[in-house]
Amino acid sequence: LGYAVYREAVGNRGAGSLIQALGMSGSSSLHPT
């Protein structure tokens, strides 16, 4: 999104929190890469 450089972003609180995983909701809101 253009908010931070990666090495800075990974040091922020909650940086490793996932934004998606299998099973959290229906597949209509899932975006596999």
PDB file of all heavy atoms in Angstrom:
ATOM      1  N   LEU A   1       0.812  -1.209   0.000  1.00  0.00           N
ATOM      2  CA  LEU A   1       0.000   0.000   0.000  1.00  0.00           C
ATOM      3  C   LEU A   1       0.851   1.268   0.000  1.00  0.00           C
ATOM      4  O   LEU A   1       0.318   2.376  -0.064  1.00  0.00           O
ATOM      5  CB  LEU A   1      -0.934   0.003   1.215  1.00  0.00           C
ATOM      6  CG  LEU A   1      -2.052  -1.047   1.193  1.00  0.00           C
ATOM      7  CD1 LEU A   1      -2.822  -1.043   2.510  1.00  0.00           C
ATOM      8  CD2 LEU A   1      -3.008  -0.811   0.034  1.00  0.00           C
ATOM      9  N   GLY A   2       2.175   1.101   0.080  1.00  0.00           N
ATOM     10  CA  GLY A   2       3.055   2.260   0.020  1.00  0.00           C
ATOM     11  C   GLY A   2       3.224   2.984   1.329  1.00  0.00           C
ATOM     12  O   GLY A   2       3.635   4.147   1.355  1.00  0.00           O
ATOM     13  N   TYR A   3       2.976   2.313   2.466  1.00  0.00           N
ATOM     14  CA  TYR A   3       3.039   2.974   3.763  1.00  0.00           C
ATOM     15  C   TYR A   3       4.391   2.830   4.451  1.00  0.00           C
ATOM     16  O   TYR A   3       4.733   3.628   5.322  1.00  0.00           O
ATOM     17  CB  TYR A   3       1.955   2.424   4.700  1.00  0.00           C
ATOM     18  CG  TYR A   3       0.548   2.727   4.250  1.00  0.00           C
ATOM     19  CD1 TYR A   3      -0.468   1.799   4.406  1.00  0.00           C
ATOM     20  CD2 TYR A   3       0.230   3.947   3.662  1.00  0.00           C
ATOM     21  CE1 TYR A   3      -1.764   2.062   4.002  1.00  0.00           C
ATOM     22  CE2 TYR A   3      -1.055   4.223   3.242  1.00  0.00           C
ATOM     23  CZ  TYR A   3      -2.057   3.281   3.411  1.00  0.00           C
ATOM     24  OH  TYR A   3      -3.335   3.554   2.998  1.00  0.00           O
ATOM     25  N   ALA A   4       5.162   1.804   4.108  1.00  0.00           N
ATOM     26  CA  ALA A   4       6.417   1.573   4.818  1.00  0.00           C
ATOM     27  C   ALA A   4       7.345   0.694   3.997  1.00  0.00           C
ATOM     28  O   ALA A   4       6.900  -0.113   3.179  1.00  0.00           O
ATOM     29  CB  ALA A   4       6.142   0.918   6.177  1.00  0.00           C
ATOM     30  N   VAL A   5       8.648   0.847   4.220  1.00  0.00           N
ATOM     31  CA  VAL A   5       9.651  -0.047   3.655  1.00  0.00           C
ATOM     32  C   VAL A   5       9.590  -1.361   4.431  1.00  0.00           C
ATOM     33  O   VAL A   5       9.349  -1.378   5.643  1.00  0.00           O
ATOM     34  CB  VAL A   5      11.048   0.594   3.750  1.00  0.00           C
ATOM     35  CG1 VAL A   5      12.137  -0.375   3.315  1.00  0.00           C
ATOM     36  CG2 VAL A   5      11.093   1.864   2.913  1.00  0.00           C
ATOM     37  N   TYR A   6       9.837  -2.479   3.748  1.00  0.00           N
ATOM     38  CA  TYR A   6       9.601  -3.787   4.358  1.00  0.00           C
ATOM     39  C   TYR A   6      10.399  -3.992   5.642  1.00  0.00           C
ATOM     40  O   TYR A   6       9.856  -4.446   6.649  1.00  0.00           O
ATOM     41  CB  TYR A   6       9.933  -4.897   3.357  1.00  0.00           C
ATOM     42  CG  TYR A   6       9.626  -6.276   3.892  1.00  0.00           C
ATOM     43  CD1 TYR A   6       8.307  -6.694   4.040  1.00  0.00           C
ATOM     44  CD2 TYR A   6      10.645  -7.141   4.286  1.00  0.00           C
ATOM     45  CE1 TYR A   6       8.008  -7.957   4.546  1.00  0.00           C
ATOM     46  CE2 TYR A   6      10.356  -8.401   4.789  1.00  0.00           C
ATOM     47  CZ  TYR A   6       9.038  -8.797   4.918  1.00  0.00           C
ATOM     48  OH  TYR A   6       8.747 -10.041   5.425  1.00  0.00           O
ATOM     49  N   ARG A   7      11.667  -3.658   5.642  1.00  0.00           N
ATOM     50  CA  ARG A   7      12.476  -3.895   6.844  1.00  0.00           C
ATOM     51  C   ARG A   7      11.998  -3.066   8.021  1.00  0.00           C
ATOM     52  O   ARG A   7      12.230  -3.419   9.177  1.00  0.00           O
ATOM     53  CB  ARG A   7      13.956  -3.636   6.555  1.00  0.00           C
ATOM     54  CG  ARG A   7      14.551  -4.703   5.661  1.00  0.00           C
ATOM     55  CD  ARG A   7      16.065  -4.711   5.693  1.00  0.00           C
ATOM     56  NE  ARG A   7      16.569  -5.820   4.902  1.00  0.00           N
ATOM     57  CZ  ARG A   7      16.775  -7.042   5.358  1.00  0.00           C
ATOM     58  NH1 ARG A   7      16.514  -7.306   6.634  1.00  0.00           N
ATOM     59  NH2 ARG A   7      17.225  -7.994   4.578  1.00  0.00           N
ATOM     60  N   GLU A   8      11.344  -1.968   7.758  1.00  0.00           N
ATOM     61  CA  GLU A   8      10.734  -1.176   8.826  1.00  0.00           C
ATOM     62  C   GLU A   8       9.401  -1.787   9.234  1.00  0.00           C
ATOM     63  O   GLU A   8       9.079  -1.879  10.420  1.00  0.00           O
ATOM     64  CB  GLU A   8      10.540   0.261   8.349  1.00  0.00           C
ATOM     65  CG  GLU A   8       9.935   1.190   9.386  1.00  0.00           C
ATOM     66  CD  GLU A   8       9.753   2.600   8.847  1.00  0.00           C
ATOM     67  OE1 GLU A   8       9.631   2.760   7.611  1.00  0.00           O
ATOM     68  OE2 GLU A   8       9.735   3.542   9.660  1.00  0.00           O
ATOM     69  N   ALA A   9       8.618  -2.243   8.242  1.00  0.00           N
ATOM     70  CA  ALA A   9       7.283  -2.779   8.522  1.00  0.00           C
ATOM     71  C   ALA A   9       7.344  -4.049   9.367  1.00  0.00           C
ATOM     72  O   ALA A   9       6.495  -4.263  10.237  1.00  0.00           O
ATOM     73  CB  ALA A   9       6.548  -3.058   7.208  1.00  0.00           C
ATOM     74  N   VAL A  10       8.340  -4.913   9.138  1.00  0.00           N
ATOM     75  CA  VAL A  10       8.397  -6.170   9.876  1.00  0.00           C
ATOM     76  C   VAL A  10       8.725  -5.955  11.345  1.00  0.00           C
ATOM     77  O   VAL A  10       8.523  -6.854  12.172  1.00  0.00           O
ATOM     78  CB  VAL A  10       9.424  -7.145   9.261  1.00  0.00           C
ATOM     79  CG1 VAL A  10       8.982  -7.575   7.883  1.00  0.00           C
ATOM     80  CG2 VAL A  10      10.816  -6.531   9.209  1.00  0.00           C
ATOM     81  N   GLY A  11       9.212  -4.779  11.694  1.00  0.00           N
ATOM     82  CA  GLY A  11       9.497  -4.486  13.094  1.00  0.00           C
ATOM     83  C   GLY A  11       8.331  -3.911  13.852  1.00  0.00           C
ATOM     84  O   GLY A  11       8.406  -3.728  15.076  1.00  0.00           O
ATOM     85  N   ASN A  12       7.244  -3.613  13.152  1.00  0.00           N
ATOM     86  CA  ASN A  12       6.081  -3.036  13.816  1.00  0.00           C
ATOM     87  C   ASN A  12       5.309  -4.093  14.596  1.00  0.00           C
ATOM     88  O   ASN A  12       5.352  -5.276  14.291  1.00  0.00           O
ATOM     89  CB  ASN A  12       5.149  -2.384  12.784  1.00  0.00           C
ATOM     90  CG  ASN A  12       5.800  -1.189  12.109  1.00  0.00           C
ATOM     91  OD1 ASN A  12       6.716  -0.569  12.658  1.00  0.00           O
ATOM     92  ND2 ASN A  12       5.337  -0.859  10.911  1.00  0.00           N
ATOM     93  N   ARG A  13       4.574  -3.643  15.566  1.00  0.00           N
ATOM     94  CA  ARG A  13       3.767  -4.544  16.386  1.00  0.00           C
ATOM     95  C   ARG A  13       2.705  -5.226  15.519  1.00  0.00           C
ATOM     96  O   ARG A  13       1.999  -4.586  14.756  1.00  0.00           O
ATOM     97  CB  ARG A  13       3.085  -3.769  17.519  1.00  0.00           C
ATOM     98  CG  ARG A  13       2.274  -4.630  18.475  1.00  0.00           C
ATOM     99  CD  ARG A  13       1.732  -3.781  19.614  1.00  0.00           C
ATOM    100  NE  ARG A  13       0.916  -4.582  20.518  1.00  0.00           N
ATOM    101  CZ  ARG A  13      -0.380  -4.794  20.371  1.00  0.00           C
ATOM    102  NH1 ARG A  13      -1.006  -4.251  19.336  1.00  0.00           N
ATOM    103  NH2 ARG A  13      -1.048  -5.534  21.223  1.00  0.00           N
ATOM    104  N   GLY A  14       2.622  -6.531  15.631  1.00  0.00           N
ATOM    105  CA  GLY A  14       1.632  -7.281  14.876  1.00  0.00           C
ATOM    106  C   GLY A  14       1.980  -7.467  13.425  1.00  0.00           C
ATOM    107  O   GLY A  14       1.124  -7.850  12.621  1.00  0.00           O
ATOM    108  N   ALA A  15       3.245  -7.220  13.043  1.00  0.00           N
ATOM    109  CA  ALA A  15       3.631  -7.302  11.633  1.00  0.00           C
ATOM    110  C   ALA A  15       3.387  -8.679  11.049  1.00  0.00           C
ATOM    111  O   ALA A  15       3.083  -8.816   9.870  1.00  0.00           O
ATOM    112  CB  ALA A  15       5.101  -6.923  11.479  1.00  0.00           C
ATOM    113  N   GLY A  16       3.517  -9.733  11.860  1.00  0.00           N
ATOM    114  CA  GLY A  16       3.334 -11.087  11.362  1.00  0.00           C
ATOM    115  C   GLY A  16       1.904 -11.569  11.373  1.00  0.00           C
ATOM    116  O   GLY A  16       1.646 -12.729  11.005  1.00  0.00           O
ATOM    117  N   SER A  17       0.974 -10.711  11.771  1.00  0.00           N
ATOM    118  CA  SER A  17      -0.435 -11.105  11.783  1.00  0.00           C
ATOM    119  C   SER A  17      -0.912 -11.377  10.364  1.00  0.00           C
ATOM    120  O   SER A  17      -0.686 -10.572   9.461  1.00  0.00           O
ATOM    121  CB  SER A  17      -1.293 -10.002  12.408  1.00  0.00           C
ATOM    122  OG  SER A  17      -0.897  -9.763  13.742  1.00  0.00           O
ATOM    123  N   LEU A  18      -1.575 -12.502  10.176  1.00  0.00           N
ATOM    124  CA  LEU A  18      -2.028 -12.884   8.841  1.00  0.00           C
ATOM    125  C   LEU A  18      -3.300 -12.149   8.466  1.00  0.00           C
ATOM    126  O   LEU A  18      -4.146 -11.857   9.313  1.00  0.00           O
ATOM    127  CB  LEU A  18      -2.273 -14.395   8.773  1.00  0.00           C
ATOM    128  CG  LEU A  18      -1.074 -15.298   9.058  1.00  0.00           C
ATOM    129  CD1 LEU A  18      -1.473 -16.754   8.905  1.00  0.00           C
ATOM    130  CD2 LEU A  18       0.088 -14.965   8.148  1.00  0.00           C
ATOM    131  N   ILE A  19      -3.450 -11.868   7.186  1.00  0.00           N
ATOM    132  CA  ILE A  19      -4.673 -11.247   6.698  1.00  0.00           C
ATOM    133  C   ILE A  19      -5.592 -12.270   6.052  1.00  0.00           C
ATOM    134  O   ILE A  19      -6.740 -11.953   5.736  1.00  0.00           O
ATOM    135  CB  ILE A  19      -4.378 -10.089   5.720  1.00  0.00           C
ATOM    136  CG1 ILE A  19      -3.598 -10.588   4.508  1.00  0.00           C
ATOM    137  CG2 ILE A  19      -3.628  -8.975   6.418  1.00  0.00           C
ATOM    138  CD1 ILE A  19      -3.363  -9.530   3.452  1.00  0.00           C
ATOM    139  N   GLN A  20      -5.118 -13.497   5.859  1.00  0.00           N
ATOM    140  CA  GLN A  20      -5.999 -14.553   5.386  1.00  0.00           C
ATOM    141  C   GLN A  20      -5.368 -15.919   5.623  1.00  0.00           C
ATOM    142  O   GLN A  20      -4.145 -16.051   5.703  1.00  0.00           O
ATOM    143  CB  GLN A  20      -6.356 -14.381   3.914  1.00  0.00           C
ATOM    144  CG  GLN A  20      -5.206 -14.516   2.936  1.00  0.00           C
ATOM    145  CD  GLN A  20      -5.686 -14.539   1.489  1.00  0.00           C
ATOM    146  OE1 GLN A  20      -6.888 -14.544   1.200  1.00  0.00           O
ATOM    147  NE2 GLN A  20      -4.754 -14.566   0.555  1.00  0.00           N
ATOM    148  N   ALA A  21      -6.231 -16.908   5.775  1.00  0.00           N
ATOM    149  CA  ALA A  21      -5.835 -18.312   5.898  1.00  0.00           C
ATOM    150  C   ALA A  21      -7.056 -19.145   5.547  1.00  0.00           C
ATOM    151  O   ALA A  21      -8.191 -18.649   5.531  1.00  0.00           O
ATOM    152  CB  ALA A  21      -5.344 -18.623   7.315  1.00  0.00           C
ATOM    153  N   LEU A  22      -6.846 -20.421   5.248  1.00  0.00           N
ATOM    154  CA  LEU A  22      -7.969 -21.294   4.899  1.00  0.00           C
ATOM    155  C   LEU A  22      -8.859 -21.529   6.106  1.00  0.00           C
ATOM    156  O   LEU A  22      -8.368 -21.773   7.211  1.00  0.00           O
ATOM    157  CB  LEU A  22      -7.458 -22.643   4.389  1.00  0.00           C
ATOM    158  CG  LEU A  22      -6.620 -22.662   3.115  1.00  0.00           C
ATOM    159  CD1 LEU A  22      -6.365 -24.107   2.689  1.00  0.00           C
ATOM    160  CD2 LEU A  22      -7.297 -21.908   2.001  1.00  0.00           C
ATOM    161  N   GLY A  23     -10.182 -21.461   5.886  1.00  0.00           N
ATOM    162  CA  GLY A  23     -11.143 -21.819   6.911  1.00  0.00           C
ATOM    163  C   GLY A  23     -11.702 -20.683   7.723  1.00  0.00           C
ATOM    164  O   GLY A  23     -12.619 -20.889   8.516  1.00  0.00           O
ATOM    165  N   MET A  24     -11.200 -19.470   7.543  1.00  0.00           N
ATOM    166  CA  MET A  24     -11.662 -18.360   8.365  1.00  0.00           C
ATOM    167  C   MET A  24     -13.039 -17.859   7.946  1.00  0.00           C
ATOM    168  O   MET A  24     -13.811 -17.366   8.749  1.00  0.00           O
ATOM    169  CB  MET A  24     -10.657 -17.203   8.302  1.00  0.00           C
ATOM    170  CG  MET A  24      -9.306 -17.535   8.906  1.00  0.00           C
ATOM    171  SD  MET A  24      -9.396 -17.948  10.672  1.00  0.00           S
ATOM    172  CE  MET A  24      -9.276 -19.736  10.614  1.00  0.00           C
ATOM    173  N   SER A  25     -13.360 -17.991   6.673  1.00  0.00           N
ATOM    174  CA  SER A  25     -14.670 -17.579   6.158  1.00  0.00           C
ATOM    175  C   SER A  25     -14.877 -18.278   4.817  1.00  0.00           C
ATOM    176  O   SER A  25     -14.049 -19.085   4.394  1.00  0.00           O
ATOM    177  CB  SER A  25     -14.735 -16.053   6.000  1.00  0.00           C
ATOM    178  OG  SER A  25     -13.719 -15.592   5.129  1.00  0.00           O
ATOM    179  N   GLY A  26     -15.981 -17.962   4.138  1.00  0.00           N
ATOM    180  CA  GLY A  26     -16.279 -18.594   2.862  1.00  0.00           C
ATOM    181  C   GLY A  26     -15.258 -18.264   1.787  1.00  0.00           C
ATOM    182  O   GLY A  26     -14.535 -17.266   1.875  1.00  0.00           O
ATOM    183  N   SER A  27     -15.220 -19.093   0.755  1.00  0.00           N
ATOM    184  CA  SER A  27     -14.212 -18.925  -0.299  1.00  0.00           C
ATOM    185  C   SER A  27     -14.416 -17.662  -1.128  1.00  0.00           C
ATOM    186  O   SER A  27     -13.503 -17.236  -1.838  1.00  0.00           O
ATOM    187  CB  SER A  27     -14.207 -20.148  -1.218  1.00  0.00           C
ATOM    188  OG  SER A  27     -15.479 -20.343  -1.808  1.00  0.00           O
ATOM    189  N   SER A  28     -15.600 -17.058  -1.062  1.00  0.00           N
ATOM    190  CA  SER A  28     -15.824 -15.829  -1.822  1.00  0.00           C
ATOM    191  C   SER A  28     -14.926 -14.695  -1.341  1.00  0.00           C
ATOM    192  O   SER A  28     -14.666 -13.745  -2.078  1.00  0.00           O
ATOM    193  CB  SER A  28     -17.290 -15.400  -1.717  1.00  0.00           C
ATOM    194  OG  SER A  28     -17.639 -15.152  -0.360  1.00  0.00           O
ATOM    195  N   SER A  29     -14.448 -14.780  -0.112  1.00  0.00           N
ATOM    196  CA  SER A  29     -13.568 -13.746   0.427  1.00  0.00           C
ATOM    197  C   SER A  29     -12.125 -14.227   0.544  1.00  0.00           C
ATOM    198  O   SER A  29     -11.304 -13.581   1.192  1.00  0.00           O
ATOM    199  CB  SER A  29     -14.069 -13.284   1.803  1.00  0.00           C
ATOM    200  OG  SER A  29     -14.177 -14.383   2.700  1.00  0.00           O
ATOM    201  N   LEU A  30     -11.814 -15.357  -0.076  1.00  0.00           N
ATOM    202  CA  LEU A  30     -10.458 -15.892  -0.049  1.00  0.00           C
ATOM    203  C   LEU A  30      -9.753 -15.566  -1.363  1.00  0.00           C
ATOM    204  O   LEU A  30     -10.340 -15.682  -2.438  1.00  0.00           O
ATOM    205  CB  LEU A  30     -10.487 -17.412   0.152  1.00  0.00           C
ATOM    206  CG  LEU A  30      -9.128 -18.095   0.303  1.00  0.00           C
ATOM    207  CD1 LEU A  30      -8.532 -17.800   1.677  1.00  0.00           C
ATOM    208  CD2 LEU A  30      -9.253 -19.604   0.091  1.00  0.00           C
ATOM    209  N   HIS A  31      -8.497 -15.177  -1.290  1.00  0.00           N
ATOM    210  CA  HIS A  31      -7.738 -14.797  -2.476  1.00  0.00           C
ATOM    211  C   HIS A  31      -6.382 -15.506  -2.485  1.00  0.00           C
ATOM    212  O   HIS A  31      -5.357 -14.912  -2.121  1.00  0.00           O
ATOM    213  CB  HIS A  31      -7.527 -13.279  -2.528  1.00  0.00           C
ATOM    214  CG  HIS A  31      -8.803 -12.505  -2.481  1.00  0.00           C
ATOM    215  ND1 HIS A  31      -9.647 -12.382  -3.566  1.00  0.00           N
ATOM    216  CD2 HIS A  31      -9.404 -11.825  -1.468  1.00  0.00           C
ATOM    217  CE1 HIS A  31     -10.694 -11.648  -3.232  1.00  0.00           C
ATOM    218  NE2 HIS A  31     -10.575 -11.310  -1.964  1.00  0.00           N
ATOM    219  N   PRO A  32      -6.348 -16.764  -2.889  1.00  0.00           N
ATOM    220  CA  PRO A  32      -5.053 -17.452  -2.998  1.00  0.00           C
ATOM    221  C   PRO A  32      -4.211 -16.833  -4.097  1.00  0.00           C
ATOM    222  O   PRO A  32      -4.736 -16.253  -5.056  1.00  0.00           O
ATOM    223  CB  PRO A  32      -5.449 -18.893  -3.327  1.00  0.00           C
ATOM    224  CG  PRO A  32      -6.798 -18.781  -3.976  1.00  0.00           C
ATOM    225  CD  PRO A  32      -7.472 -17.622  -3.316  1.00  0.00           C
ATOM    226  N   THR A  33      -2.926 -16.937  -3.953  1.00  0.00           N
ATOM    227  CA  THR A  33      -2.000 -16.436  -4.958  1.00  0.00           C
ATOM    228  C   THR A  33      -1.408 -17.608  -5.719  1.00  0.00           C
ATOM    229  O   THR A  33      -0.796 -18.493  -5.119  1.00  0.00           O
ATOM    230  CB  THR A  33      -0.861 -15.625  -4.321  1.00  0.00           C
ATOM    231  OG1 THR A  33      -1.419 -14.524  -3.606  1.00  0.00           O
ATOM    232  CG2 THR A  33       0.094 -15.103  -5.386  1.00  0.00           C
TER     233      THR A  33
END
